[in-house]
């Protein structure tokens, strides 16, 4: 990950900048694993950074590996291990008639750095955020505390406020992963809705949306965000080991999760989270770079890539 960030970032720029990409896209680069226990490795490229782990990208990558036969599919269940910058991730895929129906992954241990961390945000005032690790470091804020609703037509408002809060948090605290000092700082922001009993009687449910720089909302419920949320709920005594948790995105898509058990990461009490979701292959593309192209790394235009007021 460090090599691509410092030596070969032109590939990420080419694939994710316009005209080939857009702010809401990610690229998963499949590589030979560093860990001999893994079936494959993959590097997660987002529009503004490389991230050590992403649940939605894990689900997408596992689906593609199996449905394109890069990794042998075994029906009805395929077990595989994926090497990520955050560590080894164990995946269980339910498969039928050549289709990967769903992917469940055992994520890295997730834990809380701080609950009710207070920060002064310009133009907003004092905001309370929970800081947690779920494969990425999140600042998590109850949307109702700011009188905001998680609705798609409020996307611009959610992005602008979320980015402001995240930047204020970044200026005040620099959390460091106790087992990997190279992972530090709040990289993502999550708005959460109220925790409710699932209407079907299957544990708890809640809506969320994750704000990702340079100013977009995650279209999925966000796997690492789900793990960070479960760690926070467990720390507050609101979600028990083995209790189902259904996390709903701003688009209405869903991940389900549960806590398999508990452990410690450094001095932090941690959970062992599992998240399950589904992905669908939508296209097969060939990306071309003409040697005379005046924009070999693509370009960005402020209407899509800049967040006003931040």
Protein backbone atom coordinates (compact mmCIF):
# COMPACT_ATOMS: atom_id res chain seq x y z
CA UNK A 1 0.00 0.00 0.00
CA UNK A 2 2.81 2.39 0.91
CA UNK A 3 4.63 1.57 -2.34
CA UNK A 4 1.64 2.45 -4.52
CA UNK A 5 0.94 5.61 -2.51
CA UNK A 6 4.53 6.88 -2.79
CA UNK A 7 5.79 5.33 -6.06
CA UNK A 8 2.89 4.31 -8.32
CA UNK A 9 -0.10 6.50 -7.50
CA UNK A 10 -0.57 7.33 -11.18
CA UNK A 11 -2.55 4.09 -11.59
CA UNK A 12 -5.12 5.11 -8.97
CA UNK A 13 -5.34 8.58 -10.52
CA UNK A 14 -5.83 7.12 -14.02
CA UNK A 15 -8.62 4.76 -12.95
CA UNK A 16 -10.55 6.96 -10.52
CA UNK A 17 -10.18 10.50 -11.84
CA UNK A 18 -12.35 11.72 -14.71
CA UNK A 19 -12.96 10.84 -17.50
CA UNK A 20 -12.53 7.14 -16.60
CA UNK A 21 -13.77 7.34 -13.03
CA UNK A 22 -15.70 9.50 -10.62
CA UNK A 23 -15.58 10.56 -6.97
CA UNK A 24 -17.84 7.73 -5.78
CA UNK A 25 -15.82 4.91 -7.39
CA UNK A 26 -13.24 2.57 -5.86
CA UNK A 27 -10.68 0.27 -7.47
CA UNK A 28 -9.68 -3.10 -6.00
CA UNK A 29 -6.31 -4.25 -7.32
CA UNK A 30 -5.92 -8.02 -6.95
CA UNK A 31 -2.32 -9.00 -6.13
CA UNK A 32 -0.42 -12.09 -5.01
CA UNK A 33 -0.80 -12.28 -1.22
CA UNK A 34 2.02 -11.42 1.17
CA UNK A 35 0.51 -13.79 3.74
CA UNK A 36 0.98 -17.43 2.65
CA UNK A 37 -2.31 -18.35 4.35
CA UNK A 38 -4.27 -16.16 1.91
CA UNK A 39 -5.87 -17.21 -1.38
CA UNK A 40 -5.39 -13.72 -2.85
CA UNK A 41 -4.41 -10.23 -1.83
CA UNK A 42 -6.04 -6.98 -2.81
CA UNK A 43 -5.28 -3.29 -2.53
CA UNK A 44 -8.16 -0.86 -2.02
CA UNK A 45 -7.93 2.43 -3.89
CA UNK A 46 -10.42 5.20 -3.15
CA UNK A 47 -10.76 8.57 -4.84
CA UNK A 48 -8.57 10.36 -2.29
CA UNK A 49 -6.57 7.64 -0.54
CA UNK A 50 -5.62 4.00 -0.07
CA UNK A 51 -7.48 2.36 2.80
CA UNK A 52 -6.30 -0.67 4.79
CA UNK A 53 -9.67 -2.41 4.77
CA UNK A 54 -13.18 -1.98 3.36
CA UNK A 55 -16.08 -4.33 3.91
CA UNK A 56 -18.02 -3.43 0.77
CA UNK A 57 -14.85 -3.76 -1.32
CA UNK A 58 -14.12 -7.13 0.30
CA UNK A 59 -17.61 -8.34 -0.67
CA UNK A 60 -17.15 -7.03 -4.23
CA UNK A 61 -13.67 -8.52 -4.60
CA UNK A 62 -14.68 -11.95 -3.27
CA UNK A 63 -17.68 -12.00 -5.61
CA UNK A 64 -15.53 -11.20 -8.66
CA UNK A 65 -12.79 -13.67 -7.71
CA UNK A 66 -15.33 -16.49 -7.47
CA UNK A 67 -17.66 -15.65 -10.37
CA UNK A 68 -14.77 -15.12 -12.81
CA UNK A 69 -13.04 -18.29 -11.53
CA UNK A 70 -9.86 -16.53 -10.43
CA UNK A 71 -10.48 -18.51 -7.24
CA UNK A 72 -12.26 -21.86 -7.50
CA UNK A 73 -15.91 -21.72 -6.45
CA UNK A 74 -17.20 -24.57 -4.29
CA UNK A 75 -20.96 -24.91 -3.92
CA UNK A 76 -22.84 -24.42 -1.68
CA UNK A 77 -20.14 -22.72 0.41
CA UNK A 78 -16.69 -21.42 -0.50
CA UNK A 79 -14.16 -20.51 2.16
CA UNK A 80 -11.31 -18.19 1.24
CA UNK A 81 -8.84 -15.88 2.93
CA UNK A 82 -7.96 -12.44 1.58
CA UNK A 83 -4.79 -10.53 2.44
CA UNK A 84 -5.43 -6.83 3.15
CA UNK A 85 -3.28 -4.03 4.53
CA UNK A 86 -5.27 -4.34 7.77
CA UNK A 87 -4.58 -8.08 8.08
CA UNK A 88 -5.94 -11.43 6.97
CA UNK A 89 -9.71 -11.45 6.34
CA UNK A 90 -11.60 -14.76 6.32
CA UNK A 91 -14.49 -14.94 3.85
CA UNK A 92 -17.41 -17.38 3.58
CA UNK A 93 -19.38 -17.19 0.33
CA UNK A 94 -22.75 -18.83 -0.26
CA UNK A 95 -22.74 -20.04 -3.87
CA UNK A 96 -25.38 -21.48 -6.18
CA UNK A 97 -25.35 -22.25 -9.93
CA UNK A 98 -22.13 -20.32 -10.48
CA UNK A 99 -23.40 -17.25 -8.65
CA UNK A 100 -21.98 -15.86 -5.43
CA UNK A 101 -25.24 -15.21 -3.54
CA UNK A 102 -23.71 -13.55 -0.48
CA UNK A 103 -20.36 -12.97 1.18
CA UNK A 104 -19.71 -12.96 4.91
CA UNK A 105 -16.32 -11.87 6.22
CA UNK A 106 -14.72 -12.06 9.62
CA UNK A 107 -13.22 -8.61 9.95
CA UNK A 108 -10.22 -7.52 11.96
CA UNK A 109 -10.88 -6.91 15.68
CA UNK A 110 -12.74 -3.62 16.11
CA UNK A 111 -12.59 -1.29 19.08
CA UNK A 112 -13.39 2.15 20.45
CA UNK A 113 -10.75 4.84 20.93
CA UNK A 114 -13.12 7.29 22.64
CA UNK A 115 -16.82 7.75 23.40
CA UNK A 116 -18.46 11.19 23.46
CA UNK A 117 -15.32 12.97 22.25
CA UNK A 118 -16.14 16.69 22.17
CA UNK A 119 -14.91 18.98 19.43
CA UNK A 120 -15.71 22.58 18.47
CA UNK A 121 -16.77 22.72 14.82
CA UNK A 122 -16.76 26.12 13.04
CA UNK A 123 -20.29 27.18 12.15
CA UNK A 124 -21.84 24.28 14.08
CA UNK A 125 -20.67 24.42 17.69
CA UNK A 126 -19.68 21.63 20.06
CA UNK A 127 -20.23 18.17 18.59
CA UNK A 128 -19.90 14.82 20.35
CA UNK A 129 -18.35 12.02 18.33
CA UNK A 130 -17.37 8.44 19.06
CA UNK A 131 -13.97 7.46 17.63
CA UNK A 132 -13.66 3.80 16.63
CA UNK A 133 -11.66 1.36 14.49
CA UNK A 134 -13.47 -1.12 12.25
CA UNK A 135 -10.74 -1.62 9.64
CA UNK A 136 -10.60 2.16 9.17
CA UNK A 137 -10.73 4.85 11.86
CA UNK A 138 -14.12 6.58 12.10
CA UNK A 139 -15.65 9.58 13.78
CA UNK A 140 -19.27 8.57 14.41
CA UNK A 141 -22.02 11.09 15.20
CA UNK A 142 -25.72 10.66 15.96
CA UNK A 143 -27.44 12.61 13.17
CA UNK A 144 -30.38 13.55 15.41
CA UNK A 145 -28.00 15.39 17.77
CA UNK A 146 -27.53 17.90 14.94
CA UNK A 147 -31.18 17.81 13.85
CA UNK A 148 -30.23 16.12 10.56
CA UNK A 149 -32.09 13.28 8.87
CA UNK A 150 -30.31 10.58 6.85
CA UNK A 151 -32.17 10.96 3.55
CA UNK A 152 -30.85 10.86 0.00
CA UNK A 153 -32.17 14.31 -0.94
CA UNK A 154 -30.10 15.74 1.93
CA UNK A 155 -26.89 14.35 0.45
CA UNK A 156 -25.16 17.69 -0.05
CA UNK A 157 -25.96 18.82 3.49
CA UNK A 158 -24.78 15.53 4.99
CA UNK A 159 -21.50 15.67 3.06
CA UNK A 160 -20.70 19.28 3.92
CA UNK A 161 -21.47 18.90 7.63
CA UNK A 162 -19.73 15.54 7.85
CA UNK A 163 -16.56 16.86 6.23
CA UNK A 164 -16.51 19.88 8.56
CA UNK A 165 -16.82 17.68 11.64
CA UNK A 166 -14.21 15.22 10.42
CA UNK A 167 -11.68 17.98 9.77
CA UNK A 168 -12.29 19.43 13.23
CA UNK A 169 -11.79 15.99 14.79
CA UNK A 170 -8.61 15.43 12.76
CA UNK A 171 -7.21 18.72 14.07
CA UNK A 172 -7.83 17.69 17.69
CA UNK A 173 -7.06 13.98 17.92
CA UNK A 174 -4.73 11.59 16.08
CA UNK A 175 -5.67 8.05 17.17
CA UNK A 176 -3.00 5.44 16.45
CA UNK A 177 -3.66 1.72 15.96
CA UNK A 178 -1.75 0.06 18.84
CA UNK A 179 -0.52 -2.84 16.69
CA UNK A 180 0.19 -0.91 13.48
CA UNK A 181 1.44 2.66 14.09
CA UNK A 182 1.34 3.30 10.34
CA UNK A 183 -2.45 3.37 10.65
CA UNK A 184 -3.46 6.57 12.39
CA UNK A 185 -5.83 9.51 12.14
CA UNK A 186 -9.56 9.66 11.46
CA UNK A 187 -10.11 8.85 7.78
CA UNK A 188 -13.90 8.45 7.58
CA UNK A 189 -17.00 10.01 9.09
CA UNK A 190 -20.28 8.22 9.85
CA UNK A 191 -23.73 9.63 10.59
CA UNK A 192 -25.94 7.20 12.49
CA UNK A 193 -29.69 6.93 12.89
CA UNK A 194 -31.50 5.63 15.99
CA UNK A 195 -30.98 2.04 17.09
CA UNK A 196 -34.26 0.13 16.90
CA UNK A 197 -35.55 -3.40 17.39
CA UNK A 198 -35.66 -5.19 14.04
CA UNK A 199 -39.30 -5.34 12.83
CA UNK A 200 -38.82 -9.02 11.92
CA UNK A 201 -37.59 -9.87 15.40
CA UNK A 202 -33.98 -10.42 14.37
CA UNK A 203 -31.95 -8.33 16.80
CA UNK A 204 -31.31 -4.63 16.20
CA UNK A 205 -31.39 -2.38 13.14
CA UNK A 206 -30.28 1.15 12.25
CA UNK A 207 -29.71 3.45 9.28
CA UNK A 208 -26.34 5.05 8.60
CA UNK A 209 -24.39 6.94 5.97
CA UNK A 210 -20.63 7.29 5.69
CA UNK A 211 -19.05 10.47 4.33
CA UNK A 212 -15.91 9.77 2.31
CA UNK A 213 -13.51 12.47 1.11
CA UNK A 214 -13.40 14.45 -1.12
CA UNK A 215 -17.13 14.71 -0.56
CA UNK A 216 -19.33 11.71 -1.27
CA UNK A 217 -21.69 9.38 0.54
CA UNK A 218 -20.97 5.67 0.61
CA UNK A 219 -23.68 3.99 -1.44
CA UNK A 220 -23.38 0.81 0.64
CA UNK A 221 -24.01 0.37 4.39
CA UNK A 222 -20.18 0.28 4.69
CA UNK A 223 -18.60 -2.85 6.14
CA UNK A 224 -15.87 -1.23 8.22
CA UNK A 225 -18.36 1.41 9.33
CA UNK A 226 -20.71 -1.38 10.40
CA UNK A 227 -17.91 -2.97 12.44
CA UNK A 228 -17.01 0.36 14.04
CA UNK A 229 -20.69 0.90 14.87
CA UNK A 230 -21.01 -2.56 16.42
CA UNK A 231 -17.90 -1.89 18.54
CA UNK A 232 -19.48 1.34 19.80
CA UNK A 233 -22.84 -0.30 20.49
CA UNK A 234 -21.14 -3.13 22.39
CA UNK A 235 -19.06 -0.65 24.41
CA UNK A 236 -22.30 1.09 25.39
CA UNK A 237 -23.99 -2.18 26.32
CA UNK A 238 -26.50 -1.92 23.46
CA UNK A 239 -25.45 -4.93 21.33
CA UNK A 240 -24.53 -8.30 22.75
CA UNK A 241 -22.32 -11.10 21.47
CA UNK A 242 -24.22 -13.12 18.86
CA UNK A 243 -27.05 -10.57 18.56
CA UNK A 244 -27.95 -9.83 14.90
CA UNK A 245 -27.50 -6.27 13.66
CA UNK A 246 -28.99 -5.05 10.36
CA UNK A 247 -27.30 -1.91 9.00
CA UNK A 248 -29.16 0.02 6.27
CA UNK A 249 -27.54 2.52 3.88
CA UNK A 250 -28.90 5.76 2.46
CA UNK A 251 -29.83 3.84 -0.72
CA UNK A 252 -31.74 1.20 1.25
CA UNK A 253 -29.15 -1.56 0.73
CA UNK A 254 -28.40 -3.73 3.76
CA UNK A 255 -25.56 -5.53 5.52
CA UNK A 256 -26.13 -7.88 8.42
CA UNK A 257 -23.58 -8.32 11.16
CA UNK A 258 -22.96 -9.88 14.52
CA UNK A 259 -20.27 -10.05 17.18
CA UNK A 260 -18.60 -13.48 17.32
CA UNK A 261 -16.74 -12.76 20.53
CA UNK A 262 -14.45 -10.34 22.31
CA UNK A 263 -10.71 -9.83 22.57
CA UNK A 264 -8.20 -7.03 23.19
CA UNK A 265 -6.13 -4.93 20.81
CA UNK A 266 -3.31 -3.41 22.81
CA UNK A 267 -5.06 -2.02 25.87
CA UNK A 268 -8.40 -1.60 24.09
CA UNK A 269 -11.32 -4.02 24.65
CA UNK A 270 -12.34 -5.20 21.17
CA UNK A 271 -15.00 -7.21 19.37
CA UNK A 272 -14.65 -9.90 16.71
CA UNK A 273 -17.14 -8.78 14.04
CA UNK A 274 -18.68 -10.63 11.10
CA UNK A 275 -20.52 -8.79 8.30
CA UNK A 276 -22.52 -10.25 5.39
CA UNK A 277 -23.73 -8.68 2.14
CA UNK A 278 -24.08 -9.23 -1.60
CA UNK A 279 -22.55 -7.77 -4.76
CA UNK A 280 -23.31 -7.98 -8.48
CA UNK A 281 -20.95 -7.67 -11.44
CA UNK A 282 -22.29 -4.86 -13.64
CA UNK A 283 -19.75 -4.67 -16.46
CA UNK A 284 -16.40 -5.80 -17.85
CA UNK A 285 -14.21 -2.89 -18.97
CA UNK A 286 -10.94 -2.32 -20.75
CA UNK A 287 -9.22 0.91 -19.70
CA UNK A 288 -7.00 2.54 -22.32
CA UNK A 289 -4.35 5.26 -22.05
CA UNK A 290 -3.37 6.77 -25.38
CA UNK A 291 0.31 7.87 -25.33
CA UNK A 292 -0.74 11.30 -26.62
CA UNK A 293 -3.48 11.79 -23.99
CA UNK A 294 -2.85 15.24 -22.41
CA UNK A 295 -4.32 13.98 -19.09
CA UNK A 296 -2.45 10.72 -18.35
CA UNK A 297 -3.67 10.82 -14.73
CA UNK A 298 -7.12 12.14 -15.55
CA UNK A 299 -8.54 15.34 -14.09
CA UNK A 300 -10.91 16.69 -11.46
CA UNK A 301 -13.51 19.45 -11.76
CA UNK A 302 -14.76 21.34 -8.73
CA UNK A 303 -18.46 20.63 -9.20
CA UNK A 304 -17.91 16.98 -8.25
CA UNK A 305 -14.62 16.90 -6.36
CA UNK A 306 -14.74 19.91 -4.05
CA UNK A 307 -16.85 20.39 -0.95
CA UNK A 308 -17.90 24.06 -0.61
CA UNK A 309 -17.46 25.64 2.80
CA UNK A 310 -14.97 23.12 4.15
